[in-house]
Amino acid sequence: MSRDISLRTYIETEVLPLYDNFDKAHGRAHARAVIEQSQSLAEYYDVDRDMLYAAAAFHDIGLSEGREHHHLSSGRMIRENRKLREWFTQEQIETIAQAAEDHRASSDREPRTIYGRLIAESDRLIDPMTVLRRCVQYGLANHPELNKEDQWERCASHIKSKYGEGGYLKLWIPESPNAQRLQTLRGIIADEKRLREIFDSLYETEI
């Protein structure tokens, strides 16, 4: 967490409330989880905690302009945010913006800085049930026209392509607990009957 009370107040009152406008999978609880995870992983690295805090808090605000390029929108919004100049230099703001731009799991390049790697890793949050719940929540929020079977097909396809063996998700921080959790999730993915049972349970809870 930020050691600067004024920065913390700004984030809590002006930035985190923006996440209330997004789907459940990317709401305020998600932003707080990324903040907490990145601060925990920062114990292993020589980084500015306030910069990391800001990067985590801002990383998904670009969702206000749509999902597809939200990471780039987040980066632009950070650069355009004049309030951040009260706490950070222009160079630091650029690093924060790059961290937001580089967090996306589907990116085909490695994050440019340790801040980007920490935010990208923390955004993964590979708790199997959380991942599956977020997948269901995202489908219901963004594709309400799909019936249950179509939601299942969408969710299963996404989970396999991202988290399955050979999936596009990459892990960047060796100290993170994500590696072991990913293996647990892959065990569920490999058992389609179990995966479907979990989906059915989550679907009924979320609708």
N, C-alpha and C. Protein backbone atom coordinates (compact mmCIF):
# COMPACT_ATOMS: atom_id res chain seq x y z
N MET A 1 0.84 -1.19 0.00
CA MET A 1 0.00 0.00 0.00
C MET A 1 0.88 1.24 0.00
N SER A 2 0.33 2.33 -0.55
CA SER A 2 1.09 3.57 -0.61
C SER A 2 1.45 4.08 0.78
N ARG A 3 2.65 4.59 0.90
CA ARG A 3 3.07 5.20 2.15
C ARG A 3 2.66 6.68 2.18
N ASP A 4 2.23 7.22 1.05
CA ASP A 4 1.84 8.62 0.94
C ASP A 4 0.32 8.72 1.16
N ILE A 5 -0.07 9.34 2.26
CA ILE A 5 -1.49 9.39 2.61
C ILE A 5 -2.30 10.15 1.56
N SER A 6 -1.75 11.23 1.01
CA SER A 6 -2.50 12.01 0.01
C SER A 6 -2.70 11.21 -1.27
N LEU A 7 -1.71 10.44 -1.69
CA LEU A 7 -1.87 9.59 -2.86
C LEU A 7 -2.91 8.51 -2.58
N ARG A 8 -2.84 7.91 -1.42
CA ARG A 8 -3.78 6.86 -1.05
C ARG A 8 -5.22 7.40 -1.05
N THR A 9 -5.38 8.61 -0.51
CA THR A 9 -6.71 9.22 -0.48
C THR A 9 -7.23 9.45 -1.90
N TYR A 10 -6.37 9.94 -2.77
CA TYR A 10 -6.76 10.18 -4.16
C TYR A 10 -7.17 8.87 -4.84
N ILE A 11 -6.38 7.84 -4.68
CA ILE A 11 -6.68 6.55 -5.30
C ILE A 11 -8.01 6.01 -4.77
N GLU A 12 -8.20 6.07 -3.46
CA GLU A 12 -9.40 5.51 -2.84
C GLU A 12 -10.67 6.28 -3.23
N THR A 13 -10.57 7.59 -3.37
CA THR A 13 -11.77 8.39 -3.62
C THR A 13 -12.03 8.71 -5.08
N GLU A 14 -10.98 8.71 -5.92
CA GLU A 14 -11.15 9.13 -7.31
C GLU A 14 -10.89 8.03 -8.35
N VAL A 15 -10.04 7.07 -8.01
CA VAL A 15 -9.66 6.06 -9.00
C VAL A 15 -10.42 4.75 -8.81
N LEU A 16 -10.34 4.16 -7.63
CA LEU A 16 -11.00 2.88 -7.42
C LEU A 16 -12.51 2.91 -7.67
N PRO A 17 -13.21 4.00 -7.38
CA PRO A 17 -14.64 4.03 -7.69
C PRO A 17 -14.95 3.86 -9.18
N LEU A 18 -13.99 4.15 -10.06
CA LEU A 18 -14.20 3.96 -11.49
C LEU A 18 -14.49 2.49 -11.82
N TYR A 19 -13.93 1.59 -11.02
CA TYR A 19 -14.09 0.16 -11.27
C TYR A 19 -15.52 -0.32 -10.99
N ASP A 20 -16.30 0.49 -10.28
CA ASP A 20 -17.69 0.12 -10.00
C ASP A 20 -18.53 0.13 -11.27
N ASN A 21 -18.03 0.75 -12.32
CA ASN A 21 -18.75 0.81 -13.59
C ASN A 21 -18.44 -0.36 -14.51
N PHE A 22 -17.51 -1.22 -14.11
CA PHE A 22 -17.11 -2.34 -14.96
C PHE A 22 -17.83 -3.61 -14.54
N ASP A 23 -17.64 -4.68 -15.30
CA ASP A 23 -18.28 -5.95 -14.97
C ASP A 23 -17.67 -6.51 -13.68
N LYS A 24 -18.36 -7.49 -13.09
CA LYS A 24 -17.94 -8.04 -11.80
C LYS A 24 -16.51 -8.56 -11.82
N ALA A 25 -16.10 -9.11 -12.95
CA ALA A 25 -14.76 -9.69 -13.05
C ALA A 25 -13.67 -8.62 -13.02
N HIS A 26 -14.05 -7.37 -13.27
CA HIS A 26 -13.06 -6.28 -13.27
C HIS A 26 -13.53 -5.13 -12.38
N GLY A 27 -14.21 -5.47 -11.30
CA GLY A 27 -14.70 -4.46 -10.38
C GLY A 27 -13.66 -4.02 -9.37
N ARG A 28 -14.11 -3.29 -8.37
CA ARG A 28 -13.20 -2.74 -7.38
C ARG A 28 -12.44 -3.82 -6.61
N ALA A 29 -13.11 -4.94 -6.37
CA ALA A 29 -12.44 -6.04 -5.66
C ALA A 29 -11.25 -6.55 -6.44
N HIS A 30 -11.38 -6.59 -7.78
CA HIS A 30 -10.25 -7.02 -8.61
C HIS A 30 -9.10 -6.03 -8.52
N ALA A 31 -9.41 -4.76 -8.59
CA ALA A 31 -8.36 -3.73 -8.49
C ALA A 31 -7.62 -3.84 -7.16
N ARG A 32 -8.37 -4.01 -6.09
CA ARG A 32 -7.75 -4.14 -4.77
C ARG A 32 -6.88 -5.40 -4.68
N ALA A 33 -7.34 -6.47 -5.30
CA ALA A 33 -6.56 -7.72 -5.28
C ALA A 33 -5.24 -7.55 -6.01
N VAL A 34 -5.25 -6.84 -7.14
CA VAL A 34 -4.01 -6.60 -7.89
C VAL A 34 -3.08 -5.70 -7.08
N ILE A 35 -3.64 -4.71 -6.41
CA ILE A 35 -2.82 -3.85 -5.55
C ILE A 35 -2.15 -4.68 -4.46
N GLU A 36 -2.92 -5.49 -3.77
CA GLU A 36 -2.38 -6.27 -2.65
C GLU A 36 -1.35 -7.30 -3.11
N GLN A 37 -1.64 -7.98 -4.21
CA GLN A 37 -0.71 -9.00 -4.71
C GLN A 37 0.60 -8.36 -5.16
N SER A 38 0.51 -7.25 -5.87
CA SER A 38 1.74 -6.60 -6.36
C SER A 38 2.58 -6.06 -5.21
N GLN A 39 1.93 -5.54 -4.18
CA GLN A 39 2.68 -5.06 -3.02
C GLN A 39 3.35 -6.22 -2.29
N SER A 40 2.69 -7.36 -2.25
CA SER A 40 3.28 -8.54 -1.61
C SER A 40 4.51 -9.01 -2.39
N LEU A 41 4.40 -9.08 -3.70
CA LEU A 41 5.52 -9.53 -4.53
C LEU A 41 6.66 -8.51 -4.53
N ALA A 42 6.35 -7.25 -4.26
CA ALA A 42 7.37 -6.20 -4.24
C ALA A 42 8.41 -6.43 -3.15
N GLU A 43 8.08 -7.27 -2.18
CA GLU A 43 9.04 -7.58 -1.11
C GLU A 43 10.34 -8.15 -1.68
N TYR A 44 10.27 -8.76 -2.85
CA TYR A 44 11.44 -9.42 -3.44
C TYR A 44 12.24 -8.51 -4.36
N TYR A 45 11.76 -7.26 -4.58
CA TYR A 45 12.38 -6.41 -5.59
C TYR A 45 12.60 -4.99 -5.07
N ASP A 46 13.57 -4.32 -5.64
CA ASP A 46 13.87 -2.94 -5.29
C ASP A 46 13.03 -2.03 -6.17
N VAL A 47 11.82 -1.73 -5.73
CA VAL A 47 10.91 -0.90 -6.51
C VAL A 47 10.32 0.19 -5.62
N ASP A 48 9.81 1.23 -6.26
CA ASP A 48 9.12 2.32 -5.57
C ASP A 48 7.68 1.85 -5.31
N ARG A 49 7.33 1.69 -4.04
CA ARG A 49 6.01 1.14 -3.70
C ARG A 49 4.87 2.04 -4.16
N ASP A 50 5.07 3.35 -4.13
CA ASP A 50 4.01 4.26 -4.57
C ASP A 50 3.77 4.15 -6.07
N MET A 51 4.83 4.03 -6.85
CA MET A 51 4.68 3.84 -8.29
C MET A 51 3.93 2.55 -8.58
N LEU A 52 4.29 1.50 -7.87
CA LEU A 52 3.63 0.21 -8.08
C LEU A 52 2.17 0.28 -7.68
N TYR A 53 1.90 0.96 -6.58
CA TYR A 53 0.53 1.15 -6.10
C TYR A 53 -0.31 1.87 -7.16
N ALA A 54 0.24 2.93 -7.71
CA ALA A 54 -0.48 3.68 -8.74
C ALA A 54 -0.72 2.84 -9.99
N ALA A 55 0.30 2.12 -10.41
CA ALA A 55 0.16 1.28 -11.60
C ALA A 55 -0.92 0.23 -11.42
N ALA A 56 -0.96 -0.39 -10.24
CA ALA A 56 -1.99 -1.39 -9.97
C ALA A 56 -3.38 -0.77 -9.94
N ALA A 57 -3.48 0.39 -9.32
CA ALA A 57 -4.78 1.05 -9.20
C ALA A 57 -5.33 1.50 -10.55
N PHE A 58 -4.45 1.93 -11.44
CA PHE A 58 -4.87 2.46 -12.74
C PHE A 58 -4.91 1.41 -13.85
N HIS A 59 -4.44 0.19 -13.61
CA HIS A 59 -4.15 -0.71 -14.72
C HIS A 59 -5.34 -1.03 -15.62
N ASP A 60 -6.56 -1.02 -15.10
CA ASP A 60 -7.73 -1.39 -15.91
C ASP A 60 -8.69 -0.23 -16.16
N ILE A 61 -8.33 1.00 -15.83
CA ILE A 61 -9.30 2.09 -15.98
C ILE A 61 -9.68 2.31 -17.45
N GLY A 62 -8.84 1.86 -18.36
CA GLY A 62 -9.14 2.00 -19.78
C GLY A 62 -10.35 1.19 -20.24
N LEU A 63 -10.85 0.32 -19.37
CA LEU A 63 -12.06 -0.44 -19.71
C LEU A 63 -13.25 0.48 -19.97
N SER A 64 -13.16 1.71 -19.50
CA SER A 64 -14.24 2.68 -19.76
C SER A 64 -14.37 2.98 -21.24
N GLU A 65 -13.34 2.64 -22.02
CA GLU A 65 -13.37 2.87 -23.46
C GLU A 65 -13.47 1.58 -24.25
N GLY A 66 -13.76 0.47 -23.56
CA GLY A 66 -13.91 -0.80 -24.25
C GLY A 66 -12.82 -1.78 -23.86
N ARG A 67 -13.10 -3.05 -24.07
CA ARG A 67 -12.23 -4.13 -23.61
C ARG A 67 -10.99 -4.32 -24.50
N GLU A 68 -11.18 -4.24 -25.81
CA GLU A 68 -10.15 -4.69 -26.75
C GLU A 68 -8.80 -4.00 -26.57
N HIS A 69 -8.82 -2.69 -26.39
CA HIS A 69 -7.57 -1.93 -26.28
C HIS A 69 -7.48 -1.22 -24.93
N HIS A 70 -8.09 -1.84 -23.91
CA HIS A 70 -8.17 -1.15 -22.62
C HIS A 70 -6.81 -0.88 -22.00
N HIS A 71 -5.84 -1.78 -22.25
CA HIS A 71 -4.51 -1.58 -21.67
C HIS A 71 -3.84 -0.33 -22.24
N LEU A 72 -4.03 -0.10 -23.54
CA LEU A 72 -3.46 1.09 -24.17
C LEU A 72 -4.20 2.35 -23.70
N SER A 73 -5.52 2.23 -23.54
CA SER A 73 -6.30 3.36 -23.03
C SER A 73 -5.86 3.71 -21.61
N SER A 74 -5.61 2.68 -20.79
CA SER A 74 -5.15 2.92 -19.42
C SER A 74 -3.83 3.70 -19.44
N GLY A 75 -2.91 3.27 -20.30
CA GLY A 75 -1.63 3.96 -20.40
C GLY A 75 -1.79 5.42 -20.79
N ARG A 76 -2.65 5.67 -21.77
CA ARG A 76 -2.88 7.05 -22.21
C ARG A 76 -3.50 7.89 -21.09
N MET A 77 -4.47 7.31 -20.38
CA MET A 77 -5.12 8.05 -19.29
C MET A 77 -4.14 8.39 -18.18
N ILE A 78 -3.21 7.50 -17.91
CA ILE A 78 -2.19 7.77 -16.89
C ILE A 78 -1.32 8.94 -17.33
N ARG A 79 -0.89 8.92 -18.58
CA ARG A 79 -0.03 10.01 -19.08
C ARG A 79 -0.76 11.35 -19.06
N GLU A 80 -2.08 11.32 -19.28
CA GLU A 80 -2.86 12.55 -19.36
C GLU A 80 -3.32 13.04 -17.98
N ASN A 81 -3.11 12.23 -16.95
CA ASN A 81 -3.61 12.57 -15.62
C ASN A 81 -2.67 13.57 -14.94
N ARG A 82 -3.10 14.82 -14.89
CA ARG A 82 -2.26 15.87 -14.33
C ARG A 82 -2.11 15.74 -12.82
N LYS A 83 -3.08 15.10 -12.17
CA LYS A 83 -3.03 14.95 -10.72
C LYS A 83 -1.83 14.12 -10.29
N LEU A 84 -1.45 13.14 -11.10
CA LEU A 84 -0.32 12.27 -10.76
C LEU A 84 1.00 13.04 -10.66
N ARG A 85 1.06 14.21 -11.29
CA ARG A 85 2.28 15.00 -11.25
C ARG A 85 2.58 15.55 -9.86
N GLU A 86 1.59 15.46 -8.97
CA GLU A 86 1.82 15.89 -7.59
C GLU A 86 2.74 14.93 -6.84
N TRP A 87 2.79 13.67 -7.32
CA TRP A 87 3.56 12.64 -6.60
C TRP A 87 4.71 12.05 -7.42
N PHE A 88 4.63 12.18 -8.75
CA PHE A 88 5.60 11.49 -9.59
C PHE A 88 6.20 12.42 -10.65
N THR A 89 7.44 12.11 -11.03
CA THR A 89 8.07 12.82 -12.14
C THR A 89 7.49 12.31 -13.45
N GLN A 90 7.78 13.02 -14.53
CA GLN A 90 7.30 12.59 -15.84
C GLN A 90 7.85 11.22 -16.20
N GLU A 91 9.08 10.98 -15.84
CA GLU A 91 9.70 9.68 -16.12
C GLU A 91 9.00 8.57 -15.33
N GLN A 92 8.68 8.84 -14.09
CA GLN A 92 7.98 7.85 -13.28
C GLN A 92 6.57 7.58 -13.83
N ILE A 93 5.89 8.63 -14.25
CA ILE A 93 4.56 8.47 -14.83
C ILE A 93 4.63 7.63 -16.09
N GLU A 94 5.66 7.81 -16.89
CA GLU A 94 5.83 7.00 -18.09
C GLU A 94 6.01 5.53 -17.73
N THR A 95 6.77 5.24 -16.69
CA THR A 95 6.97 3.86 -16.24
C THR A 95 5.65 3.26 -15.76
N ILE A 96 4.86 4.04 -15.03
CA ILE A 96 3.55 3.59 -14.55
C ILE A 96 2.63 3.29 -15.74
N ALA A 97 2.65 4.18 -16.73
CA ALA A 97 1.82 3.99 -17.92
C ALA A 97 2.23 2.72 -18.68
N GLN A 98 3.52 2.51 -18.81
CA GLN A 98 4.00 1.31 -19.50
C GLN A 98 3.59 0.05 -18.77
N ALA A 99 3.60 0.11 -17.44
CA ALA A 99 3.19 -1.06 -16.66
C ALA A 99 1.74 -1.41 -16.94
N ALA A 100 0.88 -0.39 -17.03
CA ALA A 100 -0.53 -0.63 -17.35
C ALA A 100 -0.66 -1.19 -18.78
N GLU A 101 0.09 -0.65 -19.70
CA GLU A 101 0.02 -1.11 -21.09
C GLU A 101 0.49 -2.55 -21.24
N ASP A 102 1.44 -2.95 -20.40
CA ASP A 102 2.08 -4.26 -20.56
C ASP A 102 1.42 -5.37 -19.74
N HIS A 103 0.34 -5.06 -19.02
CA HIS A 103 -0.21 -6.07 -18.10
C HIS A 103 -1.05 -7.13 -18.80
N ARG A 104 -1.49 -6.88 -20.00
CA ARG A 104 -2.47 -7.77 -20.62
C ARG A 104 -1.89 -9.14 -20.92
N ALA A 105 -2.63 -10.18 -20.55
CA ALA A 105 -2.14 -11.56 -20.68
C ALA A 105 -1.91 -11.97 -22.12
N SER A 106 -2.69 -11.40 -23.03
CA SER A 106 -2.57 -11.79 -24.43
C SER A 106 -1.47 -11.03 -25.17
N SER A 107 -0.74 -10.18 -24.46
CA SER A 107 0.35 -9.44 -25.10
C SER A 107 1.41 -10.41 -25.62
N ASP A 108 1.95 -10.09 -26.79
CA ASP A 108 2.95 -10.98 -27.40
C ASP A 108 4.38 -10.57 -27.05
N ARG A 109 4.51 -9.65 -26.08
CA ARG A 109 5.86 -9.23 -25.68
C ARG A 109 5.97 -9.23 -24.17
N GLU A 110 7.20 -9.33 -23.70
CA GLU A 110 7.45 -9.29 -22.27
C GLU A 110 7.30 -7.86 -21.76
N PRO A 111 6.74 -7.66 -20.56
CA PRO A 111 6.67 -6.31 -20.00
C PRO A 111 8.04 -5.63 -19.99
N ARG A 112 8.04 -4.34 -20.23
CA ARG A 112 9.30 -3.61 -20.41
C ARG A 112 10.07 -3.35 -19.13
N THR A 113 9.39 -3.34 -17.99
CA THR A 113 10.06 -3.02 -16.72
C THR A 113 9.61 -4.00 -15.64
N ILE A 114 10.27 -3.96 -14.50
CA ILE A 114 9.88 -4.80 -13.37
C ILE A 114 8.48 -4.42 -12.90
N TYR A 115 8.12 -3.14 -13.05
CA TYR A 115 6.77 -2.71 -12.66
C TYR A 115 5.72 -3.39 -13.55
N GLY A 116 6.00 -3.47 -14.83
CA GLY A 116 5.08 -4.15 -15.73
C GLY A 116 4.97 -5.63 -15.43
N ARG A 117 6.11 -6.24 -15.10
CA ARG A 117 6.08 -7.67 -14.78
C ARG A 117 5.30 -7.93 -13.50
N LEU A 118 5.48 -7.07 -12.50
CA LEU A 118 4.76 -7.24 -11.24
C LEU A 118 3.26 -7.05 -11.42
N ILE A 119 2.86 -6.05 -12.20
CA ILE A 119 1.42 -5.82 -12.43
C ILE A 119 0.84 -6.94 -13.27
N ALA A 120 1.56 -7.37 -14.30
CA ALA A 120 1.07 -8.46 -15.15
C ALA A 120 0.89 -9.74 -14.33
N GLU A 121 1.86 -10.04 -13.49
CA GLU A 121 1.79 -11.24 -12.67
C GLU A 121 0.64 -11.14 -11.66
N SER A 122 0.50 -9.98 -11.03
CA SER A 122 -0.54 -9.79 -10.02
C SER A 122 -1.94 -9.81 -10.63
N ASP A 123 -2.05 -9.38 -11.88
CA ASP A 123 -3.33 -9.39 -12.58
C ASP A 123 -3.78 -10.81 -12.90
N ARG A 124 -2.84 -11.75 -12.91
CA ARG A 124 -3.18 -13.14 -13.22
C ARG A 124 -4.06 -13.73 -12.11
N LEU A 125 -3.65 -13.57 -10.85
CA LEU A 125 -4.45 -14.03 -9.71
C LEU A 125 -5.04 -15.42 -9.98
N ILE A 126 -4.16 -16.38 -10.20
CA ILE A 126 -4.61 -17.70 -10.64
C ILE A 126 -5.08 -18.55 -9.46
N ASP A 127 -6.18 -18.13 -8.88
CA ASP A 127 -6.94 -19.00 -7.98
C ASP A 127 -7.98 -19.68 -8.86
N PRO A 128 -7.94 -21.01 -8.98
CA PRO A 128 -8.80 -21.68 -9.96
C PRO A 128 -10.27 -21.26 -9.91
N MET A 129 -10.88 -21.23 -8.73
CA MET A 129 -12.30 -20.89 -8.66
C MET A 129 -12.53 -19.42 -9.00
N THR A 130 -11.60 -18.55 -8.64
CA THR A 130 -11.74 -17.14 -9.00
C THR A 130 -11.65 -16.96 -10.50
N VAL A 131 -10.72 -17.65 -11.14
CA VAL A 131 -10.58 -17.58 -12.60
C VAL A 131 -11.87 -18.03 -13.28
N LEU A 132 -12.40 -19.16 -12.84
CA LEU A 132 -13.60 -19.70 -13.46
C LEU A 132 -14.81 -18.80 -13.20
N ARG A 133 -14.91 -18.27 -12.00
CA ARG A 133 -16.03 -17.37 -11.69
C ARG A 133 -15.95 -16.11 -12.53
N ARG A 134 -14.77 -15.54 -12.66
CA ARG A 134 -14.61 -14.33 -13.48
C ARG A 134 -14.95 -14.60 -14.94
N CYS A 135 -14.65 -15.79 -15.41
CA CYS A 135 -14.97 -16.13 -16.79
C CYS A 135 -16.49 -16.14 -16.99
N VAL A 136 -17.21 -16.74 -16.05
CA VAL A 136 -18.67 -16.77 -16.11
C VAL A 136 -19.23 -15.35 -15.99
N GLN A 137 -18.72 -14.57 -15.05
CA GLN A 137 -19.20 -13.21 -14.85
C GLN A 137 -18.98 -12.36 -16.09
N TYR A 138 -17.82 -12.51 -16.71
CA TYR A 138 -17.52 -11.72 -17.91
C TYR A 138 -18.49 -12.07 -19.03
N GLY A 139 -18.75 -13.35 -19.22
CA GLY A 139 -19.66 -13.77 -20.28
C GLY A 139 -21.06 -13.23 -20.07
N LEU A 140 -21.55 -13.30 -18.86
CA LEU A 140 -22.90 -12.81 -18.57
C LEU A 140 -23.00 -11.30 -18.74
N ALA A 141 -21.95 -10.58 -18.36
CA ALA A 141 -21.98 -9.12 -18.44
C ALA A 141 -21.81 -8.61 -19.86
N ASN A 142 -20.97 -9.28 -20.64
CA ASN A 142 -20.62 -8.76 -21.96
C ASN A 142 -21.31 -9.47 -23.13
N HIS A 143 -21.87 -10.64 -22.85
CA HIS A 143 -22.59 -11.37 -23.90
C HIS A 143 -23.92 -11.89 -23.36
N PRO A 144 -24.78 -10.98 -22.91
CA PRO A 144 -26.06 -11.40 -22.30
C PRO A 144 -27.00 -12.10 -23.28
N GLU A 145 -26.72 -11.95 -24.56
CA GLU A 145 -27.58 -12.59 -25.56
C GLU A 145 -27.35 -14.09 -25.67
N LEU A 146 -26.26 -14.60 -25.11
CA LEU A 146 -25.95 -16.02 -25.21
C LEU A 146 -26.75 -16.83 -24.19
N ASN A 147 -27.23 -18.01 -24.63
CA ASN A 147 -27.89 -18.90 -23.68
C ASN A 147 -26.85 -19.67 -22.89
N LYS A 148 -27.28 -20.53 -21.99
CA LYS A 148 -26.35 -21.21 -21.09
C LYS A 148 -25.34 -22.05 -21.86
N GLU A 149 -25.78 -22.80 -22.88
CA GLU A 149 -24.85 -23.65 -23.62
C GLU A 149 -23.82 -22.83 -24.37
N ASP A 150 -24.25 -21.70 -24.92
CA ASP A 150 -23.30 -20.83 -25.61
C ASP A 150 -22.32 -20.18 -24.63
N GLN A 151 -22.82 -19.86 -23.44
CA GLN A 151 -21.94 -19.32 -22.40
C GLN A 151 -20.89 -20.37 -22.01
N TRP A 152 -21.31 -21.60 -21.90
CA TRP A 152 -20.39 -22.70 -21.59
C TRP A 152 -19.32 -22.83 -22.66
N GLU A 153 -19.72 -22.83 -23.91
CA GLU A 153 -18.76 -22.96 -25.00
C GLU A 153 -17.77 -21.79 -25.00
N ARG A 154 -18.27 -20.59 -24.78
CA ARG A 154 -17.40 -19.42 -24.75
C ARG A 154 -16.40 -19.51 -23.61
N CYS A 155 -16.92 -19.83 -22.42
CA CYS A 155 -16.07 -19.89 -21.23
C CYS A 155 -15.02 -21.00 -21.35
N ALA A 156 -15.44 -22.19 -21.76
CA ALA A 156 -14.51 -23.32 -21.88
C ALA A 156 -13.42 -23.02 -22.90
N SER A 157 -13.81 -22.43 -24.03
CA SER A 157 -12.84 -22.10 -25.08
C SER A 157 -11.82 -21.09 -24.58
N HIS A 158 -12.30 -20.07 -23.88
CA HIS A 158 -11.40 -19.04 -23.36
C HIS A 158 -10.44 -19.61 -22.32
N ILE A 159 -10.97 -20.38 -21.39
CA ILE A 159 -10.15 -20.95 -20.32
C ILE A 159 -9.05 -21.84 -20.90
N LYS A 160 -9.40 -22.66 -21.88
CA LYS A 160 -8.42 -23.57 -22.47
C LYS A 160 -7.35 -22.82 -23.24
N SER A 161 -7.75 -21.81 -24.01
CA SER A 161 -6.78 -21.08 -24.84
C SER A 161 -5.84 -20.22 -24.00
N LYS A 162 -6.33 -19.76 -22.84
CA LYS A 162 -5.50 -18.89 -22.00
C LYS A 162 -4.69 -19.68 -20.97
N TYR A 163 -5.35 -20.61 -20.26
CA TYR A 163 -4.72 -21.28 -19.12
C TYR A 163 -4.32 -22.73 -19.37
N GLY A 164 -4.82 -23.32 -20.45
CA GLY A 164 -4.52 -24.72 -20.71
C GLY A 164 -3.07 -24.94 -21.12
N GLU A 165 -2.68 -26.20 -21.25
CA GLU A 165 -1.32 -26.52 -21.71
C GLU A 165 -1.07 -25.86 -23.06
N GLY A 166 0.01 -25.08 -23.17
CA GLY A 166 0.30 -24.38 -24.41
C GLY A 166 -0.48 -23.09 -24.58
N GLY A 167 -1.24 -22.68 -23.53
CA GLY A 167 -2.03 -21.46 -23.61
C GLY A 167 -1.15 -20.22 -23.66
N TYR A 168 -1.78 -19.08 -23.96
CA TYR A 168 -1.00 -17.87 -24.20
C TYR A 168 -0.57 -17.15 -22.92
N LEU A 169 -1.12 -17.52 -21.78
CA LEU A 169 -0.73 -16.85 -20.54
C LEU A 169 0.72 -17.17 -20.18
N LYS A 170 1.44 -16.13 -19.77
CA LYS A 170 2.83 -16.30 -19.35
C LYS A 170 2.99 -15.74 -17.93
N LEU A 171 3.83 -16.39 -17.15
CA LEU A 171 4.12 -15.94 -15.80
C LEU A 171 5.50 -15.30 -15.78
N TRP A 172 5.63 -14.20 -15.01
CA TRP A 172 6.86 -13.42 -15.07
C TRP A 172 7.64 -13.36 -13.76
N ILE A 173 7.01 -13.66 -12.64
CA ILE A 173 7.64 -13.49 -11.33
C ILE A 173 7.79 -14.85 -10.65
N PRO A 174 9.01 -15.37 -10.53
CA PRO A 174 9.19 -16.72 -9.98
C PRO A 174 8.74 -16.86 -8.53
N GLU A 175 8.73 -15.75 -7.78
CA GLU A 175 8.32 -15.81 -6.37
C GLU A 175 6.80 -15.90 -6.21
N SER A 176 6.08 -15.73 -7.28
CA SER A 176 4.62 -15.75 -7.22
C SER A 176 4.09 -17.16 -6.99
N PRO A 177 2.98 -17.31 -6.24
CA PRO A 177 2.36 -18.63 -6.07
C PRO A 177 1.55 -19.07 -7.27
N ASN A 178 1.56 -18.26 -8.33
CA ASN A 178 0.71 -18.57 -9.49
C ASN A 178 1.10 -19.86 -10.20
N ALA A 179 2.39 -20.21 -10.21
CA ALA A 179 2.83 -21.39 -10.96
C ALA A 179 2.14 -22.66 -10.45
N GLN A 180 2.12 -22.85 -9.15
CA GLN A 180 1.48 -24.04 -8.59
C GLN A 180 -0.03 -23.99 -8.80
N ARG A 181 -0.63 -22.83 -8.66
CA ARG A 181 -2.06 -22.69 -8.86
C ARG A 181 -2.45 -22.96 -10.31
N LEU A 182 -1.56 -22.58 -11.24
CA LEU A 182 -1.83 -22.84 -12.65
C LEU A 182 -1.89 -24.33 -12.92
N GLN A 183 -1.02 -25.09 -12.29
CA GLN A 183 -1.05 -26.54 -12.47
C GLN A 183 -2.36 -27.14 -11.93
N THR A 184 -2.84 -26.60 -10.82
CA THR A 184 -4.13 -27.05 -10.28
C THR A 184 -5.26 -26.74 -11.25
N LEU A 185 -5.25 -25.53 -11.80
CA LEU A 185 -6.27 -25.13 -12.75
C LEU A 185 -6.21 -26.00 -14.00
N ARG A 186 -5.01 -26.31 -14.46
CA ARG A 186 -4.88 -27.16 -15.65
C ARG A 186 -5.42 -28.56 -15.41
N GLY A 187 -5.33 -29.03 -14.16
CA GLY A 187 -5.92 -30.32 -13.83
C GLY A 187 -7.43 -30.30 -13.98
N ILE A 188 -8.05 -29.17 -13.61
CA ILE A 188 -9.49 -29.02 -13.77
C ILE A 188 -9.85 -28.93 -15.25
N ILE A 189 -9.08 -28.15 -16.00
CA ILE A 189 -9.35 -27.98 -17.43
C ILE A 189 -9.27 -29.31 -18.16
N ALA A 190 -8.32 -30.15 -17.76
CA ALA A 190 -8.14 -31.44 -18.43
C ALA A 190 -9.30 -32.40 -18.15
N ASP A 191 -10.03 -32.16 -17.09
CA ASP A 191 -11.17 -33.00 -16.72
C ASP A 191 -12.44 -32.25 -17.11
N GLU A 192 -12.90 -32.43 -18.35
CA GLU A 192 -14.00 -31.62 -18.86
C GLU A 192 -15.29 -31.83 -18.08
N LYS A 193 -15.50 -33.03 -17.56
CA LYS A 193 -16.71 -33.28 -16.76
C LYS A 193 -16.70 -32.41 -15.50
N ARG A 194 -15.56 -32.37 -14.85
CA ARG A 194 -15.44 -31.55 -13.64
C ARG A 194 -15.56 -30.06 -13.98
N LEU A 195 -14.93 -29.66 -15.09
CA LEU A 195 -15.00 -28.27 -15.52
C LEU A 195 -16.44 -27.87 -15.77
N ARG A 196 -17.21 -28.74 -16.41
CA ARG A 196 -18.61 -28.43 -16.69
C ARG A 196 -19.43 -28.36 -15.40
N GLU A 197 -19.15 -29.21 -14.46
CA GLU A 197 -19.88 -29.18 -13.18
C GLU A 197 -19.63 -27.87 -12.44
N ILE A 198 -18.38 -27.41 -12.46
CA ILE A 198 -18.05 -26.14 -11.81
C ILE A 198 -18.74 -24.99 -12.53
N PHE A 199 -18.70 -25.03 -13.87
CA PHE A 199 -19.37 -23.98 -14.65
C PHE A 199 -20.85 -23.93 -14.31
N ASP A 200 -21.52 -25.07 -14.29
CA ASP A 200 -22.95 -25.12 -14.02
C ASP A 200 -23.26 -24.49 -12.65
N SER A 201 -22.45 -24.83 -11.65
CA SER A 201 -22.66 -24.30 -10.31
C SER A 201 -22.48 -22.78 -10.27
N LEU A 202 -21.40 -22.29 -10.89
CA LEU A 202 -21.14 -20.87 -10.91
C LEU A 202 -22.20 -20.12 -11.72
N TYR A 203 -22.61 -20.70 -12.81
CA TYR A 203 -23.63 -20.07 -13.68
C TYR A 203 -24.92 -19.86 -12.89
N GLU A 204 -25.35 -20.87 -12.18
CA GLU A 204 -26.59 -20.75 -11.42
C GLU A 204 -26.45 -19.71 -10.31
N THR A 205 -25.27 -19.57 -9.77
CA THR A 205 -25.05 -18.59 -8.71
C THR A 205 -25.07 -17.17 -9.24
N GLU A 206 -24.54 -17.00 -10.46
CA GLU A 206 -24.35 -15.66 -10.99
C GLU A 206 -25.57 -15.10 -11.73
N ILE A 207 -26.43 -15.96 -12.24
CA ILE A 207 -27.57 -15.43 -13.01
C ILE A 207 -28.66 -14.84 -12.08
